[in-house]
Amino acid sequence: MELSPEIIARLKKLEEKYSAMGQDMTSYLDGLIYADYLTYWDYIHLDTLLSLQDTETSFEDEKIFIVYHQITELYFNLILQAINSIADTTQISAERMKHYLKRINVYFDTLIDSFKVMYDVLDHKQFLKFRMSLLPSSGFQSVQYRKIELSSTPIINLVNINNRKQLEKSTDEIELYDHVYWKTGATELATGKKTLTLKQFEKKYSKELIHLIRDFYHKNIWKKYTQLSEEEKQDKDLQEMLRAYDVRANVLWPLSHYKAAARHLQRNPKDIEATGGTNWQQYLPPKNQHIYFFPELWTDEERENWGRKIESDFI
């Protein structure tokens, strides 16, 4: 059989590739001959994937709960991949930033839309029973989400609103980390002390997160935006994509959790505590936290009324 010019051209390129690495192309071709065909189930490790739903109880809806959180973490991983691509691109352009911001916003849209599984599908009575077997674990302990926050904006923008003005000139990463807003959400409702949920999280991840704060000081998303040329910084589409990201991460995403918590945990005259003891009633509403990754892109009035209009429509 006579080889076509296209095949010969490709073989030549392969030979050049392996020669440049000091490798023998023939050996690699032998490998292709002997290798089995790739299957879908092997490629995505389907059997392993389906073995990871190790529930703690016999309630069937616990599987919904654990699968949903696993899916969420996979999307967080994709968001972090996009953020790291922005951070690690030297002299990034506005067009390149928009390329990755589009991905981030689509991922968040998918997460926000899918949260209806937690408040419309998950059985209320089953949840209130199996949740007691999950103590003190909590979605609060998602380190990937904390990494998303810390790699998107300067740490001062994540400091508790009551301490932000006081610490705005601090350069001590540990001091700023000690005052991040979400730590106040993991305090015991009665005593104000750190919950076991927070203590576990800090023990496992604090060193890693402080290192990340330092590593992303010059390359978080906002820093990369400020490094653009003056003309590129005025790109209206880019600014709107950054604002859209801010709303998705800091308004719609926490409101999705708030809606689910209100559905399952709110009970008159007394609200049920969250699994980790977090004070969700105060912690989750964006209007209480005033967390925005890119405050410079919002007016004073928009920051003052952060999330209020969306909350009234969303909940």
Protein backbone atom coordinates (compact mmCIF):
# COMPACT_ATOMS: atom_id res chain seq x y z
CA MET A 1 0.00 0.00 0.00
CA GLU A 2 1.42 3.33 -1.05
CA LEU A 3 1.52 5.95 1.69
CA SER A 4 -0.27 9.21 0.93
CA PRO A 5 1.65 12.52 1.03
CA GLU A 6 -0.36 13.46 4.14
CA ILE A 7 0.79 10.35 6.03
CA ILE A 8 4.41 10.84 4.94
CA ALA A 9 4.29 14.48 6.08
CA ARG A 10 2.98 13.47 9.50
CA LEU A 11 5.60 10.75 9.89
CA LYS A 12 8.28 13.29 9.11
CA LYS A 13 6.92 15.64 11.78
CA LEU A 14 6.86 12.79 14.29
CA GLU A 15 10.45 11.90 13.44
CA GLU A 16 11.52 15.52 13.95
CA LYS A 17 9.67 15.65 17.27
CA TYR A 18 11.26 12.53 18.72
CA SER A 19 14.70 13.30 17.27
CA ALA A 20 14.66 16.64 19.08
CA MET A 21 14.11 14.71 22.34
CA GLY A 22 16.78 12.14 21.54
CA GLN A 23 14.14 9.45 21.16
CA ASP A 24 13.63 6.70 18.60
CA MET A 25 10.37 7.22 16.71
CA THR A 26 10.14 3.53 15.80
CA SER A 27 9.83 2.55 19.45
CA TYR A 28 6.92 4.94 19.90
CA LEU A 29 5.22 3.58 16.78
CA ASP A 30 5.60 0.07 18.23
CA GLY A 31 3.89 1.37 21.35
CA LEU A 32 0.92 2.51 19.28
CA ILE A 33 0.69 -0.92 17.66
CA TYR A 34 0.70 -2.79 20.97
CA ALA A 35 -1.49 -0.41 22.96
CA ASP A 36 -5.15 -1.29 23.52
CA TYR A 37 -7.90 1.01 22.27
CA LEU A 38 -8.93 3.66 24.78
CA THR A 39 -12.47 3.28 26.11
CA TYR A 40 -14.78 5.95 27.53
CA TRP A 41 -15.08 4.19 30.90
CA ASP A 42 -11.33 3.90 31.29
CA TYR A 43 -10.70 7.46 30.17
CA ILE A 44 -12.98 9.01 32.83
CA HIS A 45 -12.27 6.25 35.39
CA LEU A 46 -15.99 5.55 35.62
CA ASP A 47 -15.78 2.62 38.03
CA THR A 48 -13.62 4.64 40.43
CA LEU A 49 -15.87 7.67 40.09
CA LEU A 50 -18.99 5.69 40.97
CA SER A 51 -17.29 4.14 43.98
CA LEU A 52 -16.74 7.49 45.72
CA GLN A 53 -20.26 7.96 47.09
CA ASP A 54 -19.52 6.54 50.53
CA THR A 55 -22.59 7.62 52.49
CA GLU A 56 -22.86 7.57 56.28
CA THR A 57 -26.52 6.49 56.53
CA SER A 58 -29.08 4.38 54.70
CA PHE A 59 -31.24 7.37 53.68
CA GLU A 60 -31.39 7.32 49.88
CA ASP A 61 -31.24 11.12 49.56
CA GLU A 62 -27.86 11.27 51.23
CA LYS A 63 -26.47 10.09 47.90
CA ILE A 64 -27.99 13.17 46.25
CA PHE A 65 -26.29 15.31 48.89
CA ILE A 66 -22.83 13.81 48.49
CA VAL A 67 -22.94 13.61 44.66
CA TYR A 68 -23.98 17.25 44.41
CA HIS A 69 -21.10 18.38 46.60
CA GLN A 70 -18.64 16.27 44.62
CA ILE A 71 -19.88 17.85 41.39
CA THR A 72 -19.49 21.29 42.98
CA GLU A 73 -15.87 20.59 43.88
CA LEU A 74 -15.15 19.49 40.29
CA TYR A 75 -16.50 22.80 38.99
CA PHE A 76 -14.47 24.67 41.59
CA ASN A 77 -11.44 22.86 40.21
CA LEU A 78 -12.26 24.09 36.71
CA ILE A 79 -12.68 27.65 38.02
CA LEU A 80 -9.28 27.44 39.69
CA GLN A 81 -7.78 26.15 36.45
CA ALA A 82 -9.05 29.27 34.65
CA ILE A 83 -7.87 31.60 37.45
CA ASN A 84 -4.41 30.03 37.38
CA SER A 85 -4.26 30.48 33.61
CA ILE A 86 -4.88 34.21 34.10
CA ALA A 87 -2.37 34.40 36.96
CA ASP A 88 0.40 32.53 35.16
CA THR A 89 0.14 34.33 31.81
CA THR A 90 2.92 36.88 31.57
CA GLN A 91 1.70 40.22 30.18
CA ILE A 92 -1.84 38.99 29.75
CA SER A 93 -4.09 40.87 27.33
CA ALA A 94 -7.68 41.98 27.84
CA GLU A 95 -8.81 39.46 25.23
CA ARG A 96 -7.07 36.62 27.04
CA MET A 97 -8.59 37.66 30.35
CA LYS A 98 -12.05 37.70 28.77
CA HIS A 99 -11.43 34.22 27.38
CA TYR A 100 -10.95 32.80 30.87
CA LEU A 101 -13.53 35.00 32.60
CA LYS A 102 -16.14 33.68 30.20
CA ARG A 103 -15.31 30.17 31.36
CA ILE A 104 -15.43 31.17 35.03
CA ASN A 105 -18.83 32.81 34.63
CA VAL A 106 -20.26 29.83 32.73
CA TYR A 107 -19.02 27.47 35.45
CA PHE A 108 -20.64 29.62 38.14
CA ASP A 109 -23.89 29.87 36.16
CA THR A 110 -24.00 26.08 36.04
CA LEU A 111 -23.36 25.81 39.78
CA ILE A 112 -25.94 28.43 40.69
CA ASP A 113 -28.61 26.92 38.45
CA SER A 114 -27.92 23.40 39.71
CA PHE A 115 -28.33 24.40 43.36
CA LYS A 116 -32.07 23.85 42.94
CA VAL A 117 -31.19 20.19 43.53
CA MET A 118 -30.51 21.15 47.14
CA TYR A 119 -33.72 23.05 47.80
CA ASP A 120 -36.22 21.56 45.32
CA VAL A 121 -35.14 17.90 45.04
CA LEU A 122 -33.50 16.90 48.32
CA ASP A 123 -36.11 15.46 50.70
CA HIS A 124 -36.52 17.78 53.67
CA LYS A 125 -37.31 15.11 56.28
CA GLN A 126 -34.49 12.82 55.19
CA PHE A 127 -32.01 15.68 55.19
CA LEU A 128 -32.84 16.69 58.76
CA LYS A 129 -32.10 13.12 59.84
CA PHE A 130 -28.97 12.14 57.89
CA ARG A 131 -27.34 15.55 58.44
CA MET A 132 -26.82 14.61 62.09
CA SER A 133 -24.42 11.87 60.95
CA LEU A 134 -22.24 14.43 59.14
CA LEU A 135 -21.28 16.56 62.14
CA PRO A 136 -19.09 18.58 62.30
CA SER A 137 -18.33 18.56 58.56
CA SER A 138 -19.75 21.43 56.52
CA GLY A 139 -19.59 22.89 53.01
CA PHE A 140 -17.93 25.77 54.85
CA GLN A 141 -14.80 23.59 54.78
CA SER A 142 -14.43 23.72 50.99
CA VAL A 143 -10.82 24.84 50.62
CA GLN A 144 -11.18 25.13 46.84
CA TYR A 145 -13.76 27.87 47.26
CA ARG A 146 -11.48 29.72 49.68
CA LYS A 147 -8.72 29.44 47.07
CA ILE A 148 -11.04 30.93 44.46
CA GLU A 149 -11.65 33.90 46.73
CA LEU A 150 -8.02 34.40 47.73
CA SER A 151 -6.74 34.17 44.14
CA SER A 152 -9.31 36.61 42.78
CA THR A 153 -8.73 39.71 44.88
CA PRO A 154 -6.35 41.32 47.40
CA ILE A 155 -6.88 39.80 50.84
CA ILE A 156 -8.09 43.11 52.31
CA ASN A 157 -11.28 42.79 50.28
CA LEU A 158 -12.07 39.55 52.12
CA VAL A 159 -11.52 40.97 55.59
CA ASN A 160 -14.62 41.21 57.78
CA ILE A 161 -16.45 44.46 57.00
CA ASN A 162 -16.14 45.56 60.64
CA ASN A 163 -12.32 45.36 60.50
CA ARG A 164 -11.65 46.32 56.89
CA LYS A 165 -11.12 50.04 57.39
CA GLN A 166 -8.89 49.46 60.41
CA LEU A 167 -6.68 46.96 58.56
CA GLU A 168 -6.63 48.49 55.08
CA LYS A 169 -2.96 49.51 55.40
CA SER A 170 -1.77 46.28 56.98
CA THR A 171 0.80 44.25 55.05
CA ASP A 172 0.77 41.35 57.50
CA GLU A 173 -0.80 38.43 55.61
CA ILE A 174 -1.36 36.45 58.80
CA GLU A 175 -3.15 39.32 60.53
CA LEU A 176 -5.37 39.87 57.50
CA TYR A 177 -6.05 36.14 57.16
CA ASP A 178 -7.07 36.01 60.83
CA HIS A 179 -9.81 38.53 60.04
CA VAL A 180 -11.25 37.08 56.81
CA TYR A 181 -15.02 37.39 56.76
CA TRP A 182 -15.84 33.68 56.70
CA LYS A 183 -14.21 33.01 60.06
CA THR A 184 -16.95 35.04 61.75
CA GLY A 185 -19.44 32.70 60.09
CA ALA A 186 -17.96 29.69 61.85
CA THR A 187 -18.45 30.73 65.43
CA GLU A 188 -20.69 29.04 67.96
CA LEU A 189 -24.04 30.78 68.10
CA ALA A 190 -24.18 30.75 71.90
CA THR A 191 -20.58 31.49 72.91
CA GLY A 192 -18.97 33.21 69.93
CA LYS A 193 -16.08 30.72 70.08
CA LYS A 194 -14.60 28.98 67.05
CA THR A 195 -16.57 25.93 66.03
CA LEU A 196 -14.89 22.56 65.66
CA THR A 197 -15.64 22.94 61.95
CA LEU A 198 -13.40 26.02 61.79
CA LYS A 199 -10.72 24.53 64.04
CA GLN A 200 -10.46 21.46 61.79
CA PHE A 201 -10.27 23.63 58.69
CA GLU A 202 -7.57 25.91 60.09
CA LYS A 203 -5.47 23.01 61.27
CA LYS A 204 -5.50 21.40 57.83
CA TYR A 205 -5.36 24.40 55.50
CA SER A 206 -4.20 27.65 57.15
CA LYS A 207 -0.52 27.32 56.19
CA GLU A 208 -1.45 26.46 52.62
CA LEU A 209 -3.85 29.40 52.33
CA ILE A 210 -1.39 31.92 53.79
CA HIS A 211 1.18 30.70 51.26
CA LEU A 212 -1.40 31.18 48.50
CA ILE A 213 -2.11 34.75 49.64
CA ARG A 214 1.59 35.56 49.34
CA ASP A 215 1.95 33.73 46.02
CA PHE A 216 -1.00 35.59 44.45
CA TYR A 217 -0.15 39.02 45.84
CA HIS A 218 1.03 40.20 42.42
CA LYS A 219 -1.06 37.90 40.25
CA ASN A 220 -4.60 37.65 41.58
CA ILE A 221 -7.28 38.52 39.02
CA TRP A 222 -7.56 42.14 40.13
CA LYS A 223 -3.77 42.63 40.06
CA LYS A 224 -3.63 41.18 36.54
CA TYR A 225 -6.35 43.62 35.48
CA THR A 226 -4.42 46.59 36.89
CA GLN A 227 -1.34 45.49 34.92
CA LEU A 228 -3.15 45.96 31.61
CA SER A 229 -2.54 49.06 29.52
CA GLU A 230 -4.77 52.05 30.23
CA GLU A 231 -6.61 51.45 26.97
CA GLU A 232 -7.28 47.77 27.76
CA LYS A 233 -8.48 48.60 31.27
CA GLN A 234 -11.22 50.69 29.67
CA ASP A 235 -12.55 47.67 27.78
CA LYS A 236 -16.25 47.75 28.74
CA ASP A 237 -16.80 44.08 27.96
CA LEU A 238 -13.93 43.13 30.24
CA GLN A 239 -15.25 45.32 33.05
CA GLU A 240 -18.72 43.80 32.71
CA MET A 241 -17.31 40.28 32.81
CA LEU A 242 -15.42 41.12 36.00
CA ARG A 243 -18.58 42.61 37.52
CA ALA A 244 -20.57 39.56 36.45
CA TYR A 245 -18.03 37.31 38.13
CA ASP A 246 -18.27 39.40 41.30
CA VAL A 247 -22.06 39.04 41.38
CA ARG A 248 -21.99 35.31 40.71
CA ALA A 249 -19.34 34.51 43.32
CA ASN A 250 -20.37 36.98 46.02
CA VAL A 251 -24.14 37.40 45.63
CA LEU A 252 -25.82 34.61 43.67
CA TRP A 253 -23.69 31.73 44.99
CA PRO A 254 -24.11 32.57 48.72
CA LEU A 255 -27.80 33.34 48.12
CA SER A 256 -28.23 29.87 46.65
CA HIS A 257 -26.91 28.46 49.92
CA TYR A 258 -29.10 30.83 51.90
CA LYS A 259 -32.21 29.72 50.00
CA ALA A 260 -31.40 26.05 50.67
CA ALA A 261 -30.66 26.76 54.35
CA ALA A 262 -33.93 28.65 54.71
CA ARG A 263 -35.77 25.74 53.08
CA HIS A 264 -34.29 23.06 55.33
CA LEU A 265 -33.12 24.81 58.50
CA GLN A 266 -35.57 27.64 59.14
CA ARG A 267 -38.26 26.74 61.62
CA ASN A 268 -40.38 29.06 63.75
CA PRO A 269 -39.94 29.99 66.47
CA LYS A 270 -36.36 28.64 66.44
CA ASP A 271 -34.01 28.15 63.51
CA ILE A 272 -32.14 24.87 63.22
CA GLU A 273 -28.36 25.14 63.45
CA ALA A 274 -26.26 24.27 60.39
CA THR A 275 -24.25 21.05 60.53
CA GLY A 276 -21.03 22.83 61.42
CA GLY A 277 -22.68 25.18 63.88
CA THR A 278 -22.17 28.09 61.47
CA ASN A 279 -24.44 31.08 62.03
CA TRP A 280 -25.87 30.87 58.52
CA GLN A 281 -28.56 33.50 59.11
CA GLN A 282 -25.92 36.22 59.45
CA TYR A 283 -23.10 34.66 57.45
CA LEU A 284 -24.79 33.85 54.14
CA PRO A 285 -26.68 37.04 53.12
CA PRO A 286 -24.33 39.16 50.93
CA LYS A 287 -25.80 42.37 52.34
CA ASN A 288 -24.26 41.47 55.72
CA GLN A 289 -20.77 40.65 54.42
CA HIS A 290 -20.15 43.27 51.69
CA ILE A 291 -17.63 41.04 49.96
CA TYR A 292 -16.70 42.17 46.46
CA PHE A 293 -13.59 41.13 44.57
CA PHE A 294 -13.40 44.31 42.52
CA PRO A 295 -14.75 47.23 44.63
CA GLU A 296 -13.20 49.76 42.26
CA LEU A 297 -15.63 48.66 39.54
CA TRP A 298 -18.68 49.46 41.67
CA THR A 299 -20.14 52.80 42.73
CA ASP A 300 -20.46 53.76 46.39
CA GLU A 301 -24.22 53.24 46.15
CA GLU A 302 -23.82 49.78 44.60
CA ARG A 303 -21.44 48.71 47.35
CA GLU A 304 -23.70 50.16 50.04
CA ASN A 305 -26.69 48.18 48.73
CA TRP A 306 -24.68 45.08 47.84
CA GLY A 307 -26.95 42.15 47.02
CA ARG A 308 -30.14 43.67 48.43
CA LYS A 309 -32.14 43.90 45.20
CA ILE A 310 -31.00 40.48 43.99
CA GLU A 311 -31.83 38.90 47.37
CA SER A 312 -35.40 40.26 47.30
CA ASP A 313 -35.91 38.75 43.84
CA PHE A 314 -33.99 35.53 44.43
CA ILE A 315 -35.29 34.25 47.76
